[in-house]
Amino acid sequence: MKDLDPFVFVLVFQEMLGPVLWLLVALALFGLIGFVVVFLREGRLDSRRLVRSELMGLVGGVLALVLAAKFTVSGFTDAGGPVDWLLIGLIWGIGLAGTTILTYAVQGLVGCRKCG
């Protein structure tokens, strides 16, 4: 494998996650588009909404780790080297960032008037 083909990653993730992959892709697209819509509509970031979203992001990071453990054969006790722990941290960070963006977008689109 001399060339890096991104389609191989899609196929591997499709094999691992099945239809959950496309649900995660749809949530990511909804979150990004929703965040851009909310930001363009308001022209600023709402600090209260952002703090609530960041707190939900902590939970999302943990849920990303649970999802990764469910769909892989190995668990966290199998992590032996630094690269394994780096990957665990990366999965948690992606879950945190994705949940933060998605939560901010949902709060902004729903228009939580009493929240902020």
C-alpha atoms as a PDB file:
ATOM      1  CA  MET A   1       0.000   0.000   0.000  1.00  0.00           C
ATOM      2  CA  LYS A   2       2.115   2.829  -1.330  1.00  0.00           C
ATOM      3  CA  ASP A   3      -0.686   5.347  -1.774  1.00  0.00           C
ATOM      4  CA  LEU A   4      -2.994   6.694   0.894  1.00  0.00           C
ATOM      5  CA  ASP A   5      -6.554   6.237  -0.313  1.00  0.00           C
ATOM      6  CA  PRO A   6      -9.202   7.931   1.872  1.00  0.00           C
ATOM      7  CA  PHE A   7     -11.852   5.557   0.530  1.00  0.00           C
ATOM      8  CA  VAL A   8     -10.095   2.712   2.382  1.00  0.00           C
ATOM      9  CA  PHE A   9     -10.783   4.511   5.667  1.00  0.00           C
ATOM     10  CA  VAL A  10     -14.452   4.842   4.748  1.00  0.00           C
ATOM     11  CA  LEU A  11     -14.644   1.126   4.012  1.00  0.00           C
ATOM     12  CA  VAL A  12     -12.905   0.207   7.276  1.00  0.00           C
ATOM     13  CA  PHE A  13     -15.183   2.454   9.321  1.00  0.00           C
ATOM     14  CA  GLN A  14     -18.209   1.085   7.436  1.00  0.00           C
ATOM     15  CA  GLU A  15     -17.116  -2.440   8.302  1.00  0.00           C
ATOM     16  CA  MET A  16     -16.591  -1.545  11.980  1.00  0.00           C
ATOM     17  CA  LEU A  17     -19.620   0.640  12.642  1.00  0.00           C
ATOM     18  CA  GLY A  18     -22.142  -0.457  10.020  1.00  0.00           C
ATOM     19  CA  PRO A  19     -25.105   1.920   9.731  1.00  0.00           C
ATOM     20  CA  VAL A  20     -24.004   3.812  12.857  1.00  0.00           C
ATOM     21  CA  LEU A  21     -21.244   5.388  10.724  1.00  0.00           C
ATOM     22  CA  TRP A  22     -23.768   7.188   8.545  1.00  0.00           C
ATOM     23  CA  LEU A  23     -25.751   8.306  11.585  1.00  0.00           C
ATOM     24  CA  LEU A  24     -22.557   9.844  13.013  1.00  0.00           C
ATOM     25  CA  VAL A  25     -21.756  11.512   9.672  1.00  0.00           C
ATOM     26  CA  ALA A  26     -25.294  12.946   9.510  1.00  0.00           C
ATOM     27  CA  LEU A  27     -25.021  14.257  13.090  1.00  0.00           C
ATOM     28  CA  ALA A  28     -21.666  15.859  12.292  1.00  0.00           C
ATOM     29  CA  LEU A  29     -23.032  17.562   9.171  1.00  0.00           C
ATOM     30  CA  PHE A  30     -26.140  18.742  11.016  1.00  0.00           C
ATOM     31  CA  GLY A  31     -23.990  20.116  13.841  1.00  0.00           C
ATOM     32  CA  LEU A  32     -21.602  21.985  11.545  1.00  0.00           C
ATOM     33  CA  ILE A  33     -24.320  23.430   9.318  1.00  0.00           C
ATOM     34  CA  GLY A  34     -26.452  24.318  12.334  1.00  0.00           C
ATOM     35  CA  PHE A  35     -23.512  26.012  14.074  1.00  0.00           C
ATOM     36  CA  VAL A  36     -22.776  28.110  10.980  1.00  0.00           C
ATOM     37  CA  VAL A  37     -26.463  29.078  10.665  1.00  0.00           C
ATOM     38  CA  VAL A  38     -26.688  30.080  14.335  1.00  0.00           C
ATOM     39  CA  PHE A  39     -23.419  32.012  14.196  1.00  0.00           C
ATOM     40  CA  LEU A  40     -24.375  33.874  11.009  1.00  0.00           C
ATOM     41  CA  ARG A  41     -27.848  34.658  12.370  1.00  0.00           C
ATOM     42  CA  GLU A  42     -26.593  35.990  15.726  1.00  0.00           C
ATOM     43  CA  GLY A  43     -23.216  37.315  14.606  1.00  0.00           C
ATOM     44  CA  ARG A  44     -21.537  36.269  17.872  1.00  0.00           C
ATOM     45  CA  LEU A  45     -21.068  33.382  20.275  1.00  0.00           C
ATOM     46  CA  ASP A  46     -23.377  33.314  23.267  1.00  0.00           C
ATOM     47  CA  SER A  47     -21.186  32.607  26.298  1.00  0.00           C
ATOM     48  CA  ARG A  48     -23.888  30.927  28.414  1.00  0.00           C
ATOM     49  CA  ARG A  49     -24.875  28.626  25.585  1.00  0.00           C
ATOM     50  CA  LEU A  50     -21.206  27.869  24.915  1.00  0.00           C
ATOM     51  CA  VAL A  51     -20.496  26.926  28.544  1.00  0.00           C
ATOM     52  CA  ARG A  52     -23.528  24.615  28.624  1.00  0.00           C
ATOM     53  CA  SER A  53     -22.370  23.079  25.353  1.00  0.00           C
ATOM     54  CA  GLU A  54     -18.860  22.541  26.710  1.00  0.00           C
ATOM     55  CA  LEU A  55     -20.253  20.757  29.756  1.00  0.00           C
ATOM     56  CA  MET A  56     -22.263  18.490  27.465  1.00  0.00           C
ATOM     57  CA  GLY A  57     -19.081  17.989  25.448  1.00  0.00           C
ATOM     58  CA  LEU A  58     -17.457  16.322  28.452  1.00  0.00           C
ATOM     59  CA  VAL A  59     -20.272  13.781  28.445  1.00  0.00           C
ATOM     60  CA  GLY A  60     -19.941  13.403  24.671  1.00  0.00           C
ATOM     61  CA  GLY A  61     -16.255  12.562  25.021  1.00  0.00           C
ATOM     62  CA  VAL A  62     -17.076   9.772  27.437  1.00  0.00           C
ATOM     63  CA  LEU A  63     -19.843   8.505  25.142  1.00  0.00           C
ATOM     64  CA  ALA A  64     -17.367   8.463  22.236  1.00  0.00           C
ATOM     65  CA  LEU A  65     -15.079   6.230  24.294  1.00  0.00           C
ATOM     66  CA  VAL A  66     -17.987   3.938  25.167  1.00  0.00           C
ATOM     67  CA  LEU A  67     -18.948   3.762  21.484  1.00  0.00           C
ATOM     68  CA  ALA A  68     -15.347   2.971  20.502  1.00  0.00           C
ATOM     69  CA  ALA A  69     -15.113   0.240  23.133  1.00  0.00           C
ATOM     70  CA  LYS A  70     -18.422  -1.269  22.005  1.00  0.00           C
ATOM     71  CA  PHE A  71     -17.440  -1.497  18.336  1.00  0.00           C
ATOM     72  CA  THR A  72     -13.868  -2.715  18.765  1.00  0.00           C
ATOM     73  CA  VAL A  73     -12.651  -6.046  20.029  1.00  0.00           C
ATOM     74  CA  SER A  74     -10.227  -4.578  22.559  1.00  0.00           C
ATOM     75  CA  GLY A  75     -11.004  -2.612  25.691  1.00  0.00           C
ATOM     76  CA  PHE A  76      -9.184   0.072  27.643  1.00  0.00           C
ATOM     77  CA  THR A  77      -7.264  -2.501  29.655  1.00  0.00           C
ATOM     78  CA  ASP A  78      -5.638  -3.655  26.400  1.00  0.00           C
ATOM     79  CA  ALA A  79      -4.035  -0.251  25.815  1.00  0.00           C
ATOM     80  CA  GLY A  80      -0.344  -0.869  26.257  1.00  0.00           C
ATOM     81  CA  GLY A  81       1.744   1.738  24.506  1.00  0.00           C
ATOM     82  CA  PRO A  82       1.736   5.503  24.197  1.00  0.00           C
ATOM     83  CA  VAL A  83       0.075   5.365  20.780  1.00  0.00           C
ATOM     84  CA  ASP A  84      -2.882   3.493  22.271  1.00  0.00           C
ATOM     85  CA  TRP A  85      -3.341   6.156  24.921  1.00  0.00           C
ATOM     86  CA  LEU A  86      -2.938   8.884  22.289  1.00  0.00           C
ATOM     87  CA  LEU A  87      -5.713   7.287  20.264  1.00  0.00           C
ATOM     88  CA  ILE A  88      -7.944   7.067  23.346  1.00  0.00           C
ATOM     89  CA  GLY A  89      -7.335  10.766  23.997  1.00  0.00           C
ATOM     90  CA  LEU A  90      -8.010  11.588  20.356  1.00  0.00           C
ATOM     91  CA  ILE A  91     -11.318   9.708  20.392  1.00  0.00           C
ATOM     92  CA  TRP A  92     -12.337  11.520  23.575  1.00  0.00           C
ATOM     93  CA  GLY A  93     -11.337  14.886  22.100  1.00  0.00           C
ATOM     94  CA  ILE A  94     -13.281  14.335  18.891  1.00  0.00           C
ATOM     95  CA  GLY A  95     -16.335  13.299  20.913  1.00  0.00           C
ATOM     96  CA  LEU A  96     -15.952  16.400  23.096  1.00  0.00           C
ATOM     97  CA  ALA A  97     -15.619  18.788  20.152  1.00  0.00           C
ATOM     98  CA  GLY A  98     -18.403  17.196  18.129  1.00  0.00           C
ATOM     99  CA  THR A  99     -20.849  17.156  21.019  1.00  0.00           C
ATOM    100  CA  THR A 100     -20.011  20.749  21.918  1.00  0.00           C
ATOM    101  CA  ILE A 101     -20.678  21.962  18.371  1.00  0.00           C
ATOM    102  CA  LEU A 102     -23.838  19.870  18.008  1.00  0.00           C
ATOM    103  CA  THR A 103     -25.224  21.007  21.374  1.00  0.00           C
ATOM    104  CA  TYR A 104     -24.507  24.671  20.631  1.00  0.00           C
ATOM    105  CA  ALA A 105     -26.246  24.354  17.257  1.00  0.00           C
ATOM    106  CA  VAL A 106     -29.299  22.615  18.700  1.00  0.00           C
ATOM    107  CA  GLN A 107     -29.645  25.199  21.483  1.00  0.00           C
ATOM    108  CA  GLY A 108     -29.348  28.034  18.986  1.00  0.00           C
ATOM    109  CA  LEU A 109     -31.754  26.537  16.474  1.00  0.00           C
ATOM    110  CA  VAL A 110     -34.361  25.560  19.044  1.00  0.00           C
ATOM    111  CA  GLY A 111     -34.144  29.061  20.476  1.00  0.00           C
ATOM    112  CA  CYS A 112     -33.845  28.253  24.147  1.00  0.00           C
ATOM    113  CA  ARG A 113     -35.094  31.671  25.306  1.00  0.00           C
ATOM    114  CA  LYS A 114     -35.165  30.968  29.034  1.00  0.00           C
ATOM    115  CA  CYS A 115     -31.713  29.270  28.920  1.00  0.00           C
ATOM    116  CA  GLY A 116     -29.661  32.243  27.735  1.00  0.00           C
END
